[in-house]
Amino acid sequence: MEAIAVIDFETTGMSPDMGDRATEVAVVIVAGGSIVDRYQSLMKTGAYIPAFIEELTGISNAMIRQAPSATCVMSELAAFVGDMPLVAHNASFDSRFLDAEWSRIGQRRQQEFACSMLLARRIYPDAPNHKLGTLVRHLDLPQAARAHRALADAEMTAHLWLRMVSDLKERHGMSRVPHELLRKLQKTPKAKLANCIARHLVAESANK
């Protein structure tokens, strides 16, 4: 299995376009079917954390005042991730914050995101819903002691990702499930999932 970087942000709100900033970021590296490395840090941006966000995440304004600068953290993050493909649960959220925070230090994302939430909707249509915590319980995956902290959520997403890859291999007789294929599957209607995989296997066999 190719190495991928599973990323999660905690933030002051829902959108960097509305002035919201990241407060914490974590990345879990998955390779060879297991978690092999981790990065996590709070980050100081000068943005105020509303009370309801503090209650949700446990990250306070006092904690952020003692944190490394956003410039330092996002530079370290860029070096840690390199050019590895990215994964997040609800990737549209995390990709917006990654792009916004990296743009502040002159960094531009080159690699693509895959979304574990979109993919789970295709692979596990019978789950009660496709929130991260629900899927973790539904599939009996390792649970974090506290959700809504970046490292805990990144690790749960990594376990979900590994399970999805394993299930696709088993269901469809695949030896490998590349990130590019998963990005295609997350946009494919559930009824056409098997056809998409079959086309991929034919193309892969022809290229050998």
Protein backbone atom coordinates (compact mmCIF):
# COMPACT_ATOMS: atom_id res chain seq x y z
CA MET A 1 0.00 0.00 0.00
CA GLU A 2 1.37 3.39 -0.99
CA ALA A 3 2.16 5.85 1.80
CA ILE A 4 -0.59 8.38 2.43
CA ALA A 5 -0.96 11.24 4.89
CA VAL A 6 -4.21 11.41 6.89
CA ILE A 7 -4.80 14.96 8.09
CA ASP A 8 -7.18 16.63 10.51
CA PHE A 9 -7.60 20.25 11.61
CA GLU A 10 -9.31 21.80 14.61
CA THR A 11 -10.34 25.37 13.88
CA THR A 12 -12.09 28.45 15.24
CA GLY A 13 -15.02 27.96 12.85
CA MET A 14 -16.23 26.47 9.61
CA SER A 15 -14.56 28.50 6.87
CA PRO A 16 -11.26 30.31 6.29
CA ASP A 17 -13.17 32.54 3.85
CA MET A 18 -15.01 33.91 6.90
CA GLY A 19 -11.77 34.61 8.75
CA ASP A 20 -11.61 31.34 10.69
CA ARG A 21 -8.19 29.91 11.44
CA ALA A 22 -6.71 26.56 12.40
CA THR A 23 -5.97 25.94 16.09
CA GLU A 24 -4.50 22.43 15.83
CA VAL A 25 -3.33 20.08 13.11
CA ALA A 26 -2.35 16.44 13.10
CA VAL A 27 -1.11 14.08 10.40
CA VAL A 28 -0.90 10.30 10.57
CA ILE A 29 1.24 8.52 7.98
CA VAL A 30 -0.11 5.17 6.78
CA ALA A 31 2.13 2.78 4.85
CA GLY A 32 2.26 -0.97 4.40
CA GLY A 33 -1.15 -1.41 5.99
CA SER A 34 -0.39 0.32 9.30
CA ILE A 35 0.27 3.68 10.97
CA VAL A 36 3.99 4.40 10.81
CA ASP A 37 4.38 8.03 11.90
CA ARG A 38 2.54 10.99 13.43
CA TYR A 39 2.76 14.77 13.68
CA GLN A 40 0.60 16.96 15.92
CA SER A 41 0.73 20.55 17.13
CA LEU A 42 -1.43 23.34 18.43
CA MET A 43 -0.81 26.58 16.55
CA LYS A 44 -1.00 30.26 17.44
CA THR A 45 -2.66 32.48 14.86
CA GLY A 46 -3.98 35.34 16.97
CA ALA A 47 -7.57 34.29 16.23
CA TYR A 48 -10.06 34.05 19.09
CA ILE A 49 -11.60 30.67 19.92
CA PRO A 50 -15.35 31.00 20.62
CA ALA A 51 -16.68 29.40 23.80
CA PHE A 52 -18.70 26.72 21.97
CA ILE A 53 -15.61 25.66 19.99
CA GLU A 54 -13.57 25.48 23.20
CA GLU A 55 -16.26 23.29 24.74
CA LEU A 56 -16.31 21.02 21.68
CA THR A 57 -12.55 20.57 21.30
CA GLY A 58 -11.13 21.36 24.73
CA ILE A 59 -8.69 23.78 23.08
CA SER A 60 -8.67 27.09 24.97
CA ASN A 61 -7.37 30.54 24.12
CA ALA A 62 -4.87 30.15 26.96
CA MET A 63 -3.50 26.95 25.37
CA ILE A 64 -3.13 28.64 21.99
CA ARG A 65 -1.21 31.58 23.46
CA GLN A 66 1.51 29.11 24.51
CA ALA A 67 1.55 27.28 21.16
CA PRO A 68 4.12 27.60 18.35
CA SER A 69 3.34 30.12 15.63
CA ALA A 70 1.22 29.10 12.66
CA THR A 71 4.20 29.86 10.40
CA CYS A 72 6.38 27.40 12.30
CA VAL A 73 3.73 24.67 12.47
CA MET A 74 2.67 24.88 8.83
CA SER A 75 6.30 24.86 7.69
CA GLU A 76 6.93 21.74 9.76
CA LEU A 77 3.76 20.20 8.36
CA ALA A 78 4.87 20.83 4.78
CA ALA A 79 8.21 19.15 5.44
CA PHE A 80 6.54 16.20 7.21
CA VAL A 81 3.92 15.56 4.51
CA GLY A 82 6.12 16.20 1.49
CA ASP A 83 4.35 15.11 -1.69
CA MET A 84 2.37 12.24 -0.16
CA PRO A 85 -1.28 11.88 -1.25
CA LEU A 86 -3.69 13.25 1.35
CA VAL A 87 -6.78 11.82 3.06
CA ALA A 88 -9.29 13.47 5.39
CA HIS A 89 -12.77 12.78 6.68
CA ASN A 90 -14.88 15.49 5.03
CA ALA A 91 -11.86 16.52 2.97
CA SER A 92 -13.53 19.65 1.60
CA PHE A 93 -13.25 21.15 5.10
CA ASP A 94 -9.65 20.17 5.84
CA SER A 95 -8.40 20.98 2.33
CA ARG A 96 -9.74 24.54 2.60
CA PHE A 97 -7.92 25.13 5.88
CA LEU A 98 -4.72 23.49 4.66
CA ASP A 99 -4.71 25.60 1.51
CA ALA A 100 -5.48 28.79 3.44
CA GLU A 101 -2.82 28.23 6.11
CA TRP A 102 -0.19 27.13 3.59
CA SER A 103 -0.91 30.13 1.37
CA ARG A 104 0.04 32.39 4.29
CA ILE A 105 3.58 30.98 4.21
CA GLY A 106 3.87 30.84 0.44
CA GLN A 107 3.27 27.09 0.25
CA ARG A 108 0.97 25.60 -2.36
CA ARG A 109 -0.53 22.14 -2.21
CA GLN A 110 0.42 19.94 -5.17
CA GLN A 111 -1.14 16.62 -4.16
CA GLU A 112 -4.80 15.63 -4.24
CA PHE A 113 -7.12 14.84 -1.34
CA ALA A 114 -9.26 11.74 -1.03
CA CYS A 115 -12.29 11.88 1.27
CA SER A 116 -12.98 8.99 3.62
CA MET A 117 -16.51 10.26 4.24
CA LEU A 118 -17.48 10.23 0.55
CA LEU A 119 -15.85 6.85 0.04
CA ALA A 120 -17.57 5.38 3.12
CA ARG A 121 -20.93 6.40 1.67
CA ARG A 122 -20.19 4.15 -1.30
CA ILE A 123 -18.66 1.23 0.58
CA TYR A 124 -20.91 1.21 3.67
CA PRO A 125 -24.31 2.46 2.47
CA ASP A 126 -26.05 0.70 5.37
CA ALA A 127 -24.19 2.59 8.12
CA PRO A 128 -26.53 4.70 10.32
CA ASN A 129 -24.73 7.79 9.02
CA HIS A 130 -21.24 8.56 7.78
CA LYS A 131 -19.88 10.73 10.56
CA LEU A 132 -16.44 9.58 11.68
CA GLY A 133 -17.50 8.49 15.17
CA THR A 134 -20.50 6.59 13.85
CA LEU A 135 -18.42 4.69 11.30
CA VAL A 136 -15.78 3.85 13.90
CA ARG A 137 -18.45 2.33 16.16
CA HIS A 138 -20.32 0.67 13.28
CA LEU A 139 -17.16 -1.07 12.05
CA ASP A 140 -15.79 -1.74 15.54
CA LEU A 141 -12.59 0.22 14.87
CA PRO A 142 -10.22 1.58 17.54
CA GLN A 143 -11.79 4.58 19.23
CA ALA A 144 -10.00 7.65 20.53
CA ALA A 145 -10.36 8.67 24.16
CA ARG A 146 -11.65 12.06 23.00
CA ALA A 147 -12.96 13.04 19.60
CA HIS A 148 -12.59 16.54 18.15
CA ARG A 149 -8.87 16.68 18.81
CA ALA A 150 -6.77 16.58 15.69
CA LEU A 151 -4.57 13.56 16.43
CA ALA A 152 -7.43 11.45 17.77
CA ASP A 153 -9.57 12.17 14.71
CA ALA A 154 -6.65 11.62 12.31
CA GLU A 155 -5.91 8.23 13.88
CA MET A 156 -9.56 7.15 13.72
CA THR A 157 -9.68 8.25 10.07
CA ALA A 158 -6.51 6.26 9.39
CA HIS A 159 -8.06 3.11 10.87
CA LEU A 160 -11.21 3.70 8.82
CA TRP A 161 -9.10 4.17 5.68
CA LEU A 162 -7.21 0.94 6.27
CA ARG A 163 -10.50 -0.91 6.79
CA MET A 164 -11.99 0.48 3.59
CA VAL A 165 -8.92 -0.50 1.57
CA SER A 166 -8.98 -3.98 3.11
CA ASP A 167 -12.69 -4.42 2.39
CA LEU A 168 -12.29 -3.31 -1.23
CA LYS A 169 -9.46 -5.79 -1.71
CA GLU A 170 -11.49 -8.63 -0.23
CA ARG A 171 -14.74 -7.85 -2.04
CA HIS A 172 -13.17 -7.32 -5.47
CA GLY A 173 -10.09 -9.56 -5.44
CA MET A 174 -7.67 -6.62 -5.68
CA SER A 175 -3.99 -6.84 -4.80
CA ARG A 176 -3.64 -3.08 -4.40
CA VAL A 177 -5.96 -0.09 -4.14
CA PRO A 178 -4.20 3.06 -5.31
CA HIS A 179 -5.10 6.52 -4.05
CA GLU A 180 -6.07 7.59 -7.58
CA LEU A 181 -8.68 4.83 -7.79
CA LEU A 182 -10.12 5.76 -4.40
CA ARG A 183 -10.53 9.35 -5.58
CA LYS A 184 -12.50 8.04 -8.56
CA LEU A 185 -14.64 5.77 -6.41
CA GLN A 186 -15.63 8.57 -4.03
CA LYS A 187 -17.30 10.33 -7.00
CA THR A 188 -18.88 7.19 -8.47
CA PRO A 189 -22.55 6.36 -7.78
CA LYS A 190 -22.91 3.28 -5.56
CA ALA A 191 -24.63 1.34 -8.33
CA LYS A 192 -21.65 1.83 -10.62
CA LEU A 193 -18.90 1.10 -8.10
CA ALA A 194 -18.25 -2.48 -9.25
CA ASN A 195 -18.05 -1.38 -12.90
CA CYS A 196 -15.54 1.33 -12.04
CA ILE A 197 -13.35 -1.18 -10.21
CA ALA A 198 -13.66 -3.70 -13.05
CA ARG A 199 -12.49 -1.09 -15.56
CA HIS A 200 -9.55 -0.25 -13.32
CA LEU A 201 -8.53 -3.92 -13.05
CA VAL A 202 -8.70 -4.36 -16.83
CA ALA A 203 -6.58 -1.26 -17.40
CA GLU A 204 -4.09 -2.32 -14.72
CA SER A 205 -3.76 -5.78 -16.28
CA ALA A 206 -3.21 -4.28 -19.75
CA ASN A 207 -0.41 -2.08 -18.44
CA LYS A 208 1.54 -4.94 -16.88
